[in-house]
Amino acid sequence: MQLLSFLPAVLLALSVAASPVIDESFCPGAKVVSETYIGKDKNVKVQSLSCDTIVKAAPKEKVLLPRAANDLNVCGTHCNNNCFLPAGGGPDPNECHVISDALLYEGQNTGTLFQIQNGAVPGNPTVMQYRSCKTFFVNQDVQPLQFCRSQWAQIIDSLAFNCQATQNAHGGNCVADDQRWYIQVQSING
């Protein structure tokens, strides 16, 4: 009899534990639009999110004017690395490298470029996760962007290996010079 009264509490706890956790720090009101797994071993989770609003990486000096509907190719454009202080709680850089390898694998097998929807409401940031490491790409422009998988892989490795506790950091981001987009690397716990 006591087992039957305990069963609903166990089922509730299991349903909460199985629920996907969506980071709302950069995507308030996040909803998963699509989810898949990439890489040779299909072990890197990729989600496209829809946000109520997008949290900007840094204030823009000027408002970007609307452009033609074509995707703007920003592959090869420069971004500035910023490490998050203080030390502690960062992702395992070796686990972040698994995401980098998955991006390179996809680039060789499905194409070099990919599209990131615009950051207007509702925006669609792309989030990738493997174990302790999470990375996401946020488009802050008014139009869709094209970016190259190999550059995202390089940025992940740079941030993961150079923004660690030994540098008094716990992850970081790389913000485009014109602030159209940014890529962030952090622990899955934020």
N, C-alpha and C. Protein backbone atom coordinates (compact mmCIF):
# COMPACT_ATOMS: atom_id res chain seq x y z
N MET A 1 0.82 -1.19 0.00
CA MET A 1 0.00 0.00 0.00
C MET A 1 0.87 1.25 0.00
N GLN A 2 1.95 1.25 0.80
CA GLN A 2 2.83 2.41 0.83
C GLN A 2 3.51 2.60 -0.52
N LEU A 3 3.77 1.52 -1.23
CA LEU A 3 4.39 1.60 -2.54
C LEU A 3 3.50 2.36 -3.51
N LEU A 4 2.20 2.13 -3.46
CA LEU A 4 1.28 2.81 -4.36
C LEU A 4 1.22 4.31 -4.10
N SER A 5 1.35 4.73 -2.86
CA SER A 5 1.34 6.17 -2.57
C SER A 5 2.66 6.82 -2.97
N PHE A 6 3.72 6.04 -3.02
CA PHE A 6 5.04 6.55 -3.39
C PHE A 6 5.21 6.65 -4.91
N LEU A 7 4.49 5.81 -5.66
CA LEU A 7 4.62 5.72 -7.11
C LEU A 7 4.35 7.03 -7.84
N PRO A 8 3.30 7.79 -7.54
CA PRO A 8 3.09 9.06 -8.26
C PRO A 8 4.24 10.05 -8.08
N ALA A 9 4.83 10.10 -6.91
CA ALA A 9 5.96 11.02 -6.68
C ALA A 9 7.16 10.61 -7.53
N VAL A 10 7.40 9.31 -7.63
CA VAL A 10 8.52 8.83 -8.45
C VAL A 10 8.27 9.15 -9.92
N LEU A 11 7.06 8.91 -10.40
CA LEU A 11 6.74 9.20 -11.80
C LEU A 11 6.88 10.69 -12.11
N LEU A 12 6.45 11.55 -11.21
CA LEU A 12 6.59 12.99 -11.40
C LEU A 12 8.06 13.38 -11.46
N ALA A 13 8.86 12.84 -10.57
CA ALA A 13 10.30 13.16 -10.57
C ALA A 13 10.96 12.70 -11.85
N LEU A 14 10.59 11.52 -12.35
CA LEU A 14 11.16 11.02 -13.60
C LEU A 14 10.75 11.88 -14.79
N SER A 15 9.51 12.34 -14.82
CA SER A 15 9.08 13.17 -15.95
C SER A 15 9.80 14.51 -15.96
N VAL A 16 10.07 15.07 -14.79
CA VAL A 16 10.82 16.33 -14.71
C VAL A 16 12.26 16.11 -15.14
N ALA A 17 12.86 15.02 -14.71
CA ALA A 17 14.26 14.73 -15.06
C ALA A 17 14.41 14.47 -16.56
N ALA A 18 13.38 13.93 -17.20
CA ALA A 18 13.47 13.63 -18.63
C ALA A 18 13.14 14.83 -19.50
N SER A 19 12.60 15.89 -18.94
CA SER A 19 12.25 17.08 -19.72
C SER A 19 13.50 17.76 -20.23
N PRO A 20 13.47 18.21 -21.51
CA PRO A 20 14.63 18.92 -22.02
C PRO A 20 14.79 20.26 -21.32
N VAL A 21 16.03 20.59 -20.99
CA VAL A 21 16.33 21.86 -20.33
C VAL A 21 16.79 22.83 -21.40
N ILE A 22 16.10 23.94 -21.55
CA ILE A 22 16.45 24.94 -22.54
C ILE A 22 16.99 26.15 -21.82
N ASP A 23 18.16 26.60 -22.24
CA ASP A 23 18.82 27.76 -21.64
C ASP A 23 18.11 29.03 -22.10
N GLU A 24 17.50 29.75 -21.18
CA GLU A 24 16.80 30.96 -21.53
C GLU A 24 17.64 32.21 -21.30
N SER A 25 18.94 32.05 -20.98
CA SER A 25 19.78 33.22 -20.74
C SER A 25 19.99 34.03 -22.01
N PHE A 26 20.01 33.41 -23.16
CA PHE A 26 20.19 34.12 -24.42
C PHE A 26 18.95 34.05 -25.29
N CYS A 27 17.96 33.26 -24.89
CA CYS A 27 16.77 33.05 -25.71
C CYS A 27 15.55 32.91 -24.80
N PRO A 28 15.07 34.04 -24.23
CA PRO A 28 13.91 33.97 -23.34
C PRO A 28 12.69 33.38 -24.04
N GLY A 29 11.99 32.52 -23.34
CA GLY A 29 10.81 31.87 -23.91
C GLY A 29 11.16 30.85 -24.97
N ALA A 30 12.34 30.26 -24.88
CA ALA A 30 12.84 29.35 -25.92
C ALA A 30 11.92 28.15 -26.12
N LYS A 31 11.71 27.84 -27.41
CA LYS A 31 10.97 26.64 -27.80
C LYS A 31 11.80 25.94 -28.87
N VAL A 32 11.91 24.62 -28.78
CA VAL A 32 12.67 23.85 -29.76
C VAL A 32 11.84 23.74 -31.04
N VAL A 33 12.41 24.24 -32.15
CA VAL A 33 11.76 24.17 -33.46
C VAL A 33 12.14 22.87 -34.15
N SER A 34 13.42 22.51 -34.05
CA SER A 34 13.88 21.25 -34.64
C SER A 34 15.05 20.73 -33.82
N GLU A 35 15.24 19.41 -33.89
CA GLU A 35 16.34 18.78 -33.17
C GLU A 35 16.86 17.61 -33.99
N THR A 36 18.18 17.50 -34.06
CA THR A 36 18.81 16.39 -34.76
C THR A 36 20.16 16.13 -34.11
N TYR A 37 20.84 15.11 -34.57
CA TYR A 37 22.19 14.79 -34.09
C TYR A 37 23.13 14.75 -35.28
N ILE A 38 24.33 15.30 -35.10
CA ILE A 38 25.31 15.35 -36.19
C ILE A 38 26.62 14.71 -35.77
N GLY A 39 27.53 14.61 -36.74
CA GLY A 39 28.85 14.05 -36.51
C GLY A 39 28.92 12.61 -36.99
N LYS A 40 30.11 12.11 -37.07
CA LYS A 40 30.32 10.73 -37.53
C LYS A 40 29.54 9.75 -36.67
N ASP A 41 29.55 9.97 -35.35
CA ASP A 41 28.85 9.08 -34.42
C ASP A 41 27.45 9.57 -34.06
N LYS A 42 27.00 10.66 -34.69
CA LYS A 42 25.67 11.25 -34.40
C LYS A 42 25.49 11.46 -32.90
N ASN A 43 26.51 12.05 -32.24
CA ASN A 43 26.47 12.23 -30.79
C ASN A 43 26.44 13.70 -30.36
N VAL A 44 26.35 14.62 -31.32
CA VAL A 44 26.26 16.05 -30.99
C VAL A 44 24.83 16.50 -31.29
N LYS A 45 24.14 16.95 -30.24
CA LYS A 45 22.76 17.41 -30.40
C LYS A 45 22.74 18.81 -30.99
N VAL A 46 21.89 19.02 -32.01
CA VAL A 46 21.72 20.32 -32.64
C VAL A 46 20.25 20.69 -32.54
N GLN A 47 19.99 21.87 -31.97
CA GLN A 47 18.62 22.36 -31.86
C GLN A 47 18.51 23.73 -32.51
N SER A 48 17.40 23.95 -33.18
CA SER A 48 17.05 25.28 -33.64
C SER A 48 15.95 25.76 -32.70
N LEU A 49 16.16 26.94 -32.11
CA LEU A 49 15.22 27.47 -31.13
C LEU A 49 14.43 28.63 -31.69
N SER A 50 13.26 28.83 -31.16
CA SER A 50 12.46 30.02 -31.42
C SER A 50 12.37 30.76 -30.09
N CYS A 51 12.66 32.05 -30.12
CA CYS A 51 12.71 32.86 -28.89
C CYS A 51 11.61 33.91 -28.89
N ASP A 52 11.13 34.25 -27.70
CA ASP A 52 10.23 35.39 -27.59
C ASP A 52 10.98 36.67 -27.92
N THR A 53 12.21 36.77 -27.44
CA THR A 53 13.11 37.89 -27.74
C THR A 53 14.52 37.34 -27.77
N ILE A 54 15.44 38.09 -28.35
CA ILE A 54 16.85 37.70 -28.38
C ILE A 54 17.62 38.64 -27.48
N VAL A 55 18.45 38.09 -26.61
CA VAL A 55 19.33 38.90 -25.78
C VAL A 55 20.56 39.23 -26.61
N LYS A 56 20.81 40.49 -26.81
CA LYS A 56 21.93 40.93 -27.64
C LYS A 56 23.25 40.76 -26.91
N ALA A 57 24.30 40.44 -27.66
CA ALA A 57 25.63 40.26 -27.08
C ALA A 57 26.20 41.58 -26.61
N ALA A 58 25.95 42.63 -27.35
CA ALA A 58 26.46 43.96 -27.01
C ALA A 58 25.57 44.97 -27.72
N PRO A 59 25.41 46.18 -27.16
CA PRO A 59 24.56 47.16 -27.82
C PRO A 59 25.15 47.57 -29.16
N LYS A 60 24.28 47.78 -30.13
CA LYS A 60 24.73 48.20 -31.45
C LYS A 60 24.87 49.71 -31.48
N GLU A 61 25.88 50.19 -32.21
CA GLU A 61 26.09 51.63 -32.32
C GLU A 61 25.08 52.24 -33.28
N LYS A 62 24.65 51.46 -34.27
CA LYS A 62 23.66 51.95 -35.21
C LYS A 62 22.72 50.81 -35.54
N VAL A 63 21.54 51.17 -35.98
CA VAL A 63 20.56 50.17 -36.36
C VAL A 63 20.89 49.69 -37.76
N LEU A 64 20.89 48.39 -37.95
CA LEU A 64 21.14 47.85 -39.28
C LEU A 64 19.89 48.03 -40.12
N LEU A 65 20.06 48.51 -41.32
CA LEU A 65 18.93 48.73 -42.21
C LEU A 65 18.54 47.42 -42.89
N PRO A 66 17.24 47.27 -43.19
CA PRO A 66 16.82 46.05 -43.89
C PRO A 66 17.53 45.93 -45.23
N ARG A 67 17.82 44.69 -45.60
CA ARG A 67 18.50 44.41 -46.86
C ARG A 67 17.62 43.50 -47.70
N ALA A 68 18.15 43.15 -48.84
CA ALA A 68 17.45 42.22 -49.71
C ALA A 68 17.23 40.90 -48.97
N ALA A 69 16.28 40.12 -49.44
CA ALA A 69 15.91 38.89 -48.76
C ALA A 69 16.97 37.80 -48.87
N ASN A 70 17.95 37.95 -49.75
CA ASN A 70 18.99 36.93 -49.89
C ASN A 70 19.79 36.80 -48.60
N ASP A 71 20.25 35.57 -48.35
CA ASP A 71 21.12 35.34 -47.19
C ASP A 71 22.44 36.07 -47.41
N LEU A 72 22.95 36.69 -46.36
CA LEU A 72 24.24 37.36 -46.41
C LEU A 72 25.30 36.37 -45.96
N ASN A 73 26.30 36.12 -46.80
CA ASN A 73 27.37 35.19 -46.47
C ASN A 73 28.40 35.93 -45.62
N VAL A 74 28.53 35.55 -44.36
CA VAL A 74 29.50 36.17 -43.45
C VAL A 74 30.64 35.20 -43.10
N CYS A 75 30.77 34.14 -43.87
CA CYS A 75 31.86 33.19 -43.67
C CYS A 75 33.18 33.92 -43.88
N GLY A 76 34.08 33.78 -42.94
CA GLY A 76 35.38 34.43 -43.04
C GLY A 76 35.45 35.80 -42.40
N THR A 77 34.31 36.32 -41.94
CA THR A 77 34.36 37.63 -41.27
C THR A 77 34.96 37.47 -39.88
N HIS A 78 35.56 38.53 -39.40
CA HIS A 78 36.29 38.51 -38.13
C HIS A 78 35.34 38.69 -36.96
N CYS A 79 35.69 38.05 -35.84
CA CYS A 79 34.97 38.28 -34.59
C CYS A 79 35.99 38.41 -33.46
N ASN A 80 35.58 39.04 -32.38
CA ASN A 80 36.45 39.29 -31.23
C ASN A 80 36.09 38.37 -30.08
N ASN A 81 37.10 37.64 -29.57
CA ASN A 81 36.89 36.72 -28.45
C ASN A 81 36.79 37.48 -27.13
N ASN A 82 35.86 37.05 -26.30
CA ASN A 82 35.68 37.57 -24.95
C ASN A 82 35.54 36.38 -24.02
N CYS A 83 36.36 36.32 -22.98
CA CYS A 83 36.25 35.25 -21.99
C CYS A 83 35.39 35.72 -20.83
N PHE A 84 34.57 34.80 -20.29
CA PHE A 84 33.69 35.13 -19.17
C PHE A 84 34.43 34.90 -17.86
N LEU A 85 34.46 35.93 -17.04
CA LEU A 85 35.12 35.87 -15.74
C LEU A 85 34.09 35.60 -14.66
N PRO A 86 34.43 35.05 -13.54
CA PRO A 86 35.72 34.53 -13.09
C PRO A 86 35.88 33.08 -13.51
N ALA A 87 36.92 32.45 -13.00
CA ALA A 87 37.21 31.05 -13.30
C ALA A 87 36.19 30.13 -12.65
N GLY A 88 36.07 28.95 -13.21
CA GLY A 88 35.23 27.91 -12.61
C GLY A 88 33.96 27.68 -13.38
N GLY A 89 33.61 26.42 -13.56
CA GLY A 89 32.33 26.06 -14.16
C GLY A 89 32.31 26.04 -15.66
N GLY A 90 33.45 26.14 -16.31
CA GLY A 90 33.50 26.11 -17.77
C GLY A 90 33.35 24.70 -18.32
N PRO A 91 33.13 24.61 -19.63
CA PRO A 91 32.99 23.28 -20.24
C PRO A 91 34.35 22.60 -20.38
N ASP A 92 34.33 21.29 -20.52
CA ASP A 92 35.54 20.53 -20.80
C ASP A 92 35.93 20.81 -22.25
N PRO A 93 37.09 21.42 -22.51
CA PRO A 93 37.46 21.76 -23.88
C PRO A 93 37.56 20.55 -24.80
N ASN A 94 37.87 19.38 -24.25
CA ASN A 94 37.91 18.17 -25.08
C ASN A 94 36.52 17.76 -25.55
N GLU A 95 35.51 18.02 -24.71
CA GLU A 95 34.14 17.74 -25.12
C GLU A 95 33.67 18.77 -26.14
N CYS A 96 34.14 20.01 -26.01
CA CYS A 96 33.83 21.03 -27.02
C CYS A 96 34.46 20.65 -28.36
N HIS A 97 35.64 20.04 -28.30
CA HIS A 97 36.31 19.63 -29.54
C HIS A 97 35.52 18.56 -30.28
N VAL A 98 34.73 17.75 -29.57
CA VAL A 98 33.86 16.78 -30.23
C VAL A 98 32.85 17.52 -31.10
N ILE A 99 32.34 18.66 -30.62
CA ILE A 99 31.41 19.47 -31.43
C ILE A 99 32.14 20.01 -32.65
N SER A 100 33.37 20.50 -32.46
CA SER A 100 34.17 21.00 -33.59
C SER A 100 34.35 19.91 -34.64
N ASP A 101 34.70 18.72 -34.20
CA ASP A 101 34.88 17.60 -35.14
C ASP A 101 33.58 17.28 -35.87
N ALA A 102 32.46 17.33 -35.16
CA ALA A 102 31.16 17.06 -35.78
C ALA A 102 30.85 18.11 -36.85
N LEU A 103 31.16 19.38 -36.57
CA LEU A 103 30.95 20.43 -37.57
C LEU A 103 31.82 20.20 -38.80
N LEU A 104 33.08 19.83 -38.60
CA LEU A 104 33.97 19.56 -39.73
C LEU A 104 33.48 18.36 -40.54
N TYR A 105 33.01 17.33 -39.85
CA TYR A 105 32.47 16.14 -40.51
C TYR A 105 31.26 16.53 -41.37
N GLU A 106 30.35 17.31 -40.79
CA GLU A 106 29.16 17.75 -41.54
C GLU A 106 29.56 18.62 -42.73
N GLY A 107 30.57 19.48 -42.54
CA GLY A 107 31.04 20.32 -43.64
C GLY A 107 31.56 19.51 -44.81
N GLN A 108 32.20 18.39 -44.51
CA GLN A 108 32.73 17.52 -45.56
C GLN A 108 31.65 16.67 -46.21
N ASN A 109 30.56 16.42 -45.49
CA ASN A 109 29.55 15.49 -45.98
C ASN A 109 28.23 16.12 -46.40
N THR A 110 27.91 17.30 -45.89
CA THR A 110 26.64 17.92 -46.26
C THR A 110 26.80 19.31 -46.85
N GLY A 111 27.97 19.91 -46.74
CA GLY A 111 28.20 21.23 -47.31
C GLY A 111 28.90 22.15 -46.33
N THR A 112 29.66 23.06 -46.89
CA THR A 112 30.47 23.97 -46.09
C THR A 112 29.63 25.01 -45.36
N LEU A 113 28.62 25.55 -46.04
CA LEU A 113 27.82 26.65 -45.48
C LEU A 113 26.53 26.15 -44.85
N PHE A 114 26.03 26.91 -43.89
CA PHE A 114 24.72 26.66 -43.30
C PHE A 114 24.03 27.99 -43.07
N GLN A 115 22.72 27.96 -42.93
CA GLN A 115 21.94 29.18 -42.73
C GLN A 115 21.57 29.36 -41.27
N ILE A 116 21.66 30.60 -40.81
CA ILE A 116 21.19 30.98 -39.48
C ILE A 116 20.10 32.02 -39.68
N GLN A 117 18.89 31.71 -39.21
CA GLN A 117 17.78 32.65 -39.37
C GLN A 117 18.07 33.96 -38.65
N ASN A 118 17.33 34.98 -39.02
CA ASN A 118 17.58 36.29 -38.41
C ASN A 118 17.16 36.32 -36.96
N GLY A 119 17.75 37.26 -36.22
CA GLY A 119 17.53 37.37 -34.79
C GLY A 119 16.30 38.16 -34.41
N ALA A 120 15.48 38.53 -35.39
CA ALA A 120 14.25 39.25 -35.08
C ALA A 120 13.29 38.29 -34.40
N VAL A 121 12.34 38.82 -33.68
CA VAL A 121 11.37 37.98 -32.98
C VAL A 121 10.47 37.35 -34.03
N PRO A 122 10.24 36.06 -34.09
CA PRO A 122 10.96 35.08 -33.30
C PRO A 122 12.28 34.70 -33.98
N GLY A 123 13.36 34.75 -33.24
CA GLY A 123 14.67 34.37 -33.77
C GLY A 123 14.85 32.87 -33.68
N ASN A 124 15.83 32.38 -34.38
CA ASN A 124 16.10 30.95 -34.37
C ASN A 124 17.58 30.68 -34.15
N PRO A 125 18.09 30.87 -32.94
CA PRO A 125 19.49 30.53 -32.69
C PRO A 125 19.69 29.02 -32.87
N THR A 126 20.89 28.65 -33.28
CA THR A 126 21.24 27.24 -33.39
C THR A 126 22.13 26.88 -32.21
N VAL A 127 21.77 25.81 -31.50
CA VAL A 127 22.48 25.37 -30.30
C VAL A 127 23.02 23.97 -30.54
N MET A 128 24.29 23.76 -30.18
CA MET A 128 24.90 22.43 -30.26
C MET A 128 25.41 22.05 -28.88
N GLN A 129 25.27 20.77 -28.55
CA GLN A 129 25.65 20.32 -27.22
C GLN A 129 26.25 18.92 -27.28
N TYR A 130 27.34 18.76 -26.52
CA TYR A 130 27.92 17.44 -26.29
C TYR A 130 28.42 17.41 -24.86
N ARG A 131 27.86 16.53 -24.06
CA ARG A 131 28.21 16.39 -22.64
C ARG A 131 28.22 17.74 -21.94
N SER A 132 29.38 18.20 -21.41
CA SER A 132 29.40 19.44 -20.63
C SER A 132 29.44 20.70 -21.48
N CYS A 133 29.63 20.55 -22.80
CA CYS A 133 29.85 21.72 -23.65
C CYS A 133 28.61 22.09 -24.46
N LYS A 134 28.32 23.38 -24.47
CA LYS A 134 27.24 23.93 -25.27
C LYS A 134 27.79 25.10 -26.06
N THR A 135 27.42 25.19 -27.33
CA THR A 135 27.76 26.34 -28.15
C THR A 135 26.51 26.78 -28.90
N PHE A 136 26.42 28.07 -29.14
CA PHE A 136 25.29 28.54 -29.95
C PHE A 136 25.71 29.70 -30.82
N PHE A 137 24.97 29.85 -31.92
CA PHE A 137 25.17 30.91 -32.89
C PHE A 137 23.90 31.74 -32.89
N VAL A 138 24.05 33.05 -32.64
CA VAL A 138 22.90 33.95 -32.63
C VAL A 138 23.11 34.99 -33.73
N ASN A 139 22.13 35.09 -34.62
CA ASN A 139 22.13 36.08 -35.69
C ASN A 139 21.37 37.30 -35.18
N GLN A 140 22.05 38.43 -35.07
CA GLN A 140 21.43 39.67 -34.58
C GLN A 140 21.06 40.61 -35.72
N ASP A 141 21.24 40.17 -36.97
CA ASP A 141 20.93 40.99 -38.13
C ASP A 141 19.44 40.88 -38.45
N VAL A 142 18.99 41.64 -39.44
CA VAL A 142 17.58 41.63 -39.83
C VAL A 142 17.29 40.63 -40.94
N GLN A 143 18.31 39.91 -41.39
CA GLN A 143 18.13 38.94 -42.47
C GLN A 143 18.88 37.66 -42.12
N PRO A 144 18.53 36.57 -42.79
CA PRO A 144 19.27 35.33 -42.58
C PRO A 144 20.73 35.47 -43.01
N LEU A 145 21.61 34.76 -42.31
CA LEU A 145 23.03 34.77 -42.62
C LEU A 145 23.47 33.37 -43.03
N GLN A 146 24.53 33.31 -43.84
CA GLN A 146 25.20 32.05 -44.12
C GLN A 146 26.56 32.10 -43.45
N PHE A 147 26.96 30.99 -42.86
CA PHE A 147 28.23 30.91 -42.17
C PHE A 147 28.85 29.56 -42.51
N CYS A 148 30.15 29.42 -42.30
CA CYS A 148 30.81 28.15 -42.63
C CYS A 148 31.06 27.33 -41.37
N ARG A 149 30.80 26.06 -41.53
CA ARG A 149 30.96 25.13 -40.41
C ARG A 149 32.40 25.09 -39.91
N SER A 150 33.37 25.18 -40.82
CA SER A 150 34.78 25.10 -40.41
C SER A 150 35.17 26.29 -39.54
N GLN A 151 34.62 27.47 -39.81
CA GLN A 151 34.95 28.63 -38.98
C GLN A 151 34.31 28.51 -37.60
N TRP A 152 33.08 28.00 -37.54
CA TRP A 152 32.44 27.79 -36.24
C TRP A 152 33.28 26.80 -35.44
N ALA A 153 33.77 25.75 -36.09
CA ALA A 153 34.62 24.76 -35.40
C ALA A 153 35.88 25.41 -34.84
N GLN A 154 36.51 26.28 -35.62
CA GLN A 154 37.73 26.96 -35.15
C GLN A 154 37.43 27.87 -33.96
N ILE A 155 36.30 28.57 -34.02
CA ILE A 155 35.92 29.48 -32.92
C ILE A 155 35.64 28.68 -31.65
N ILE A 156 34.96 27.55 -31.78
CA ILE A 156 34.68 26.70 -30.61
C ILE A 156 35.99 26.28 -29.95
N ASP A 157 36.93 25.77 -30.75
CA ASP A 157 38.21 25.33 -30.17
C ASP A 157 38.96 26.49 -29.53
N SER A 158 38.96 27.64 -30.17
CA SER A 158 39.66 28.80 -29.62
C SER A 158 39.08 29.20 -28.27
N LEU A 159 37.76 29.31 -28.20
CA LEU A 159 37.12 29.72 -26.95
C LEU A 159 37.25 28.64 -25.88
N ALA A 160 37.02 27.38 -26.26
CA ALA A 160 37.04 26.30 -25.27
C ALA A 160 38.41 26.11 -24.65
N PHE A 161 39.46 26.23 -25.45
CA PHE A 161 40.80 25.98 -24.93
C PHE A 161 41.46 27.23 -24.35
N ASN A 162 40.98 28.43 -24.71
CA ASN A 162 41.61 29.67 -24.24
C ASN A 162 40.79 30.45 -23.22
N CYS A 163 39.60 29.99 -22.90
CA CYS A 163 38.76 30.67 -21.90
C CYS A 163 38.41 29.68 -20.79
N GLN A 164 39.44 29.15 -20.14
CA GLN A 164 39.29 28.16 -19.08
C GLN A 164 39.74 28.73 -17.74
N ALA A 165 39.66 27.93 -16.71
CA ALA A 165 40.04 28.35 -15.36
C ALA A 165 41.48 28.87 -15.31
N THR A 166 42.38 28.28 -16.11
CA THR A 166 43.77 28.74 -16.10
C THR A 166 43.90 30.16 -16.62
N GLN A 167 42.89 30.63 -17.36
CA GLN A 167 42.86 32.02 -17.82
C GLN A 167 41.87 32.84 -16.98
N ASN A 168 41.50 32.31 -15.80
CA ASN A 168 40.51 32.93 -14.92
C ASN A 168 39.18 33.13 -15.64
N ALA A 169 38.76 32.13 -16.41
CA ALA A 169 37.52 32.24 -17.18
C ALA A 169 36.72 30.95 -17.11
N HIS A 170 35.51 31.00 -17.66
CA HIS A 170 34.64 29.82 -17.71
C HIS A 170 33.82 29.80 -19.00
N GLY A 171 34.47 29.91 -20.13
CA GLY A 171 33.80 29.97 -21.43
C GLY A 171 33.88 31.39 -21.96
N GLY A 172 33.25 31.60 -23.11
CA GLY A 172 33.28 32.94 -23.69
C GLY A 172 32.48 33.01 -24.97
N ASN A 173 32.60 34.17 -25.64
CA ASN A 173 31.92 34.35 -26.92
C ASN A 173 32.84 35.06 -27.90
N CYS A 174 32.44 35.03 -29.14
CA CYS A 174 33.15 35.73 -30.21
C CYS A 174 32.10 36.55 -30.95
N VAL A 175 32.21 37.87 -30.85
CA VAL A 175 31.22 38.79 -31.42
C VAL A 175 31.78 39.38 -32.70
N ALA A 176 31.00 39.30 -33.77
CA ALA A 176 31.42 39.85 -35.06
C ALA A 176 31.75 41.33 -34.92
N ASP A 177 32.75 41.79 -35.69
CA ASP A 177 33.15 43.20 -35.64
C ASP A 177 31.96 44.13 -35.82
N ASP A 178 31.04 43.78 -36.73
CA ASP A 178 29.87 44.64 -36.96
C ASP A 178 28.68 44.23 -36.10
N GLN A 179 28.87 43.28 -35.21
CA GLN A 179 27.88 42.80 -34.25
C GLN A 179 26.64 42.17 -34.89
N ARG A 180 26.77 41.71 -36.12
CA ARG A 180 25.64 41.03 -36.78
C ARG A 180 25.35 39.68 -36.12
N TRP A 181 26.39 39.04 -35.59
CA TRP A 181 26.25 37.69 -35.05
C TRP A 181 27.26 37.48 -33.93
N TYR A 182 27.00 36.45 -33.13
CA TYR A 182 28.00 36.00 -32.16
C TYR A 182 27.87 34.51 -31.93
N ILE A 183 28.98 33.91 -31.54
CA ILE A 183 29.05 32.49 -31.19
C ILE A 183 29.51 32.42 -29.75
N GLN A 184 28.84 31.59 -28.96
CA GLN A 184 29.19 31.45 -27.55
C GLN A 184 29.51 30.00 -27.23
N VAL A 185 30.45 29.80 -26.32
CA VAL A 185 30.81 28.47 -25.80
C VAL A 185 30.71 28.55 -24.29
N GLN A 186 29.99 27.61 -23.67
CA GLN A 186 29.79 27.61 -22.23
C GLN A 186 29.48 26.21 -21.76
N SER A 187 29.42 26.05 -20.46
CA SER A 187 28.99 24.80 -19.86
C SER A 187 27.49 24.65 -20.07
N ILE A 188 27.01 23.42 -20.13
CA ILE A 188 25.57 23.22 -20.28
C ILE A 188 24.79 23.79 -19.10
N ASN A 189 25.46 24.03 -17.99
CA ASN A 189 24.81 24.60 -16.82
C ASN A 189 24.80 26.12 -16.86
N GLY A 190 25.22 26.71 -17.95
CA GLY A 190 25.20 28.17 -18.09
C GLY A 190 26.45 28.75 -17.63
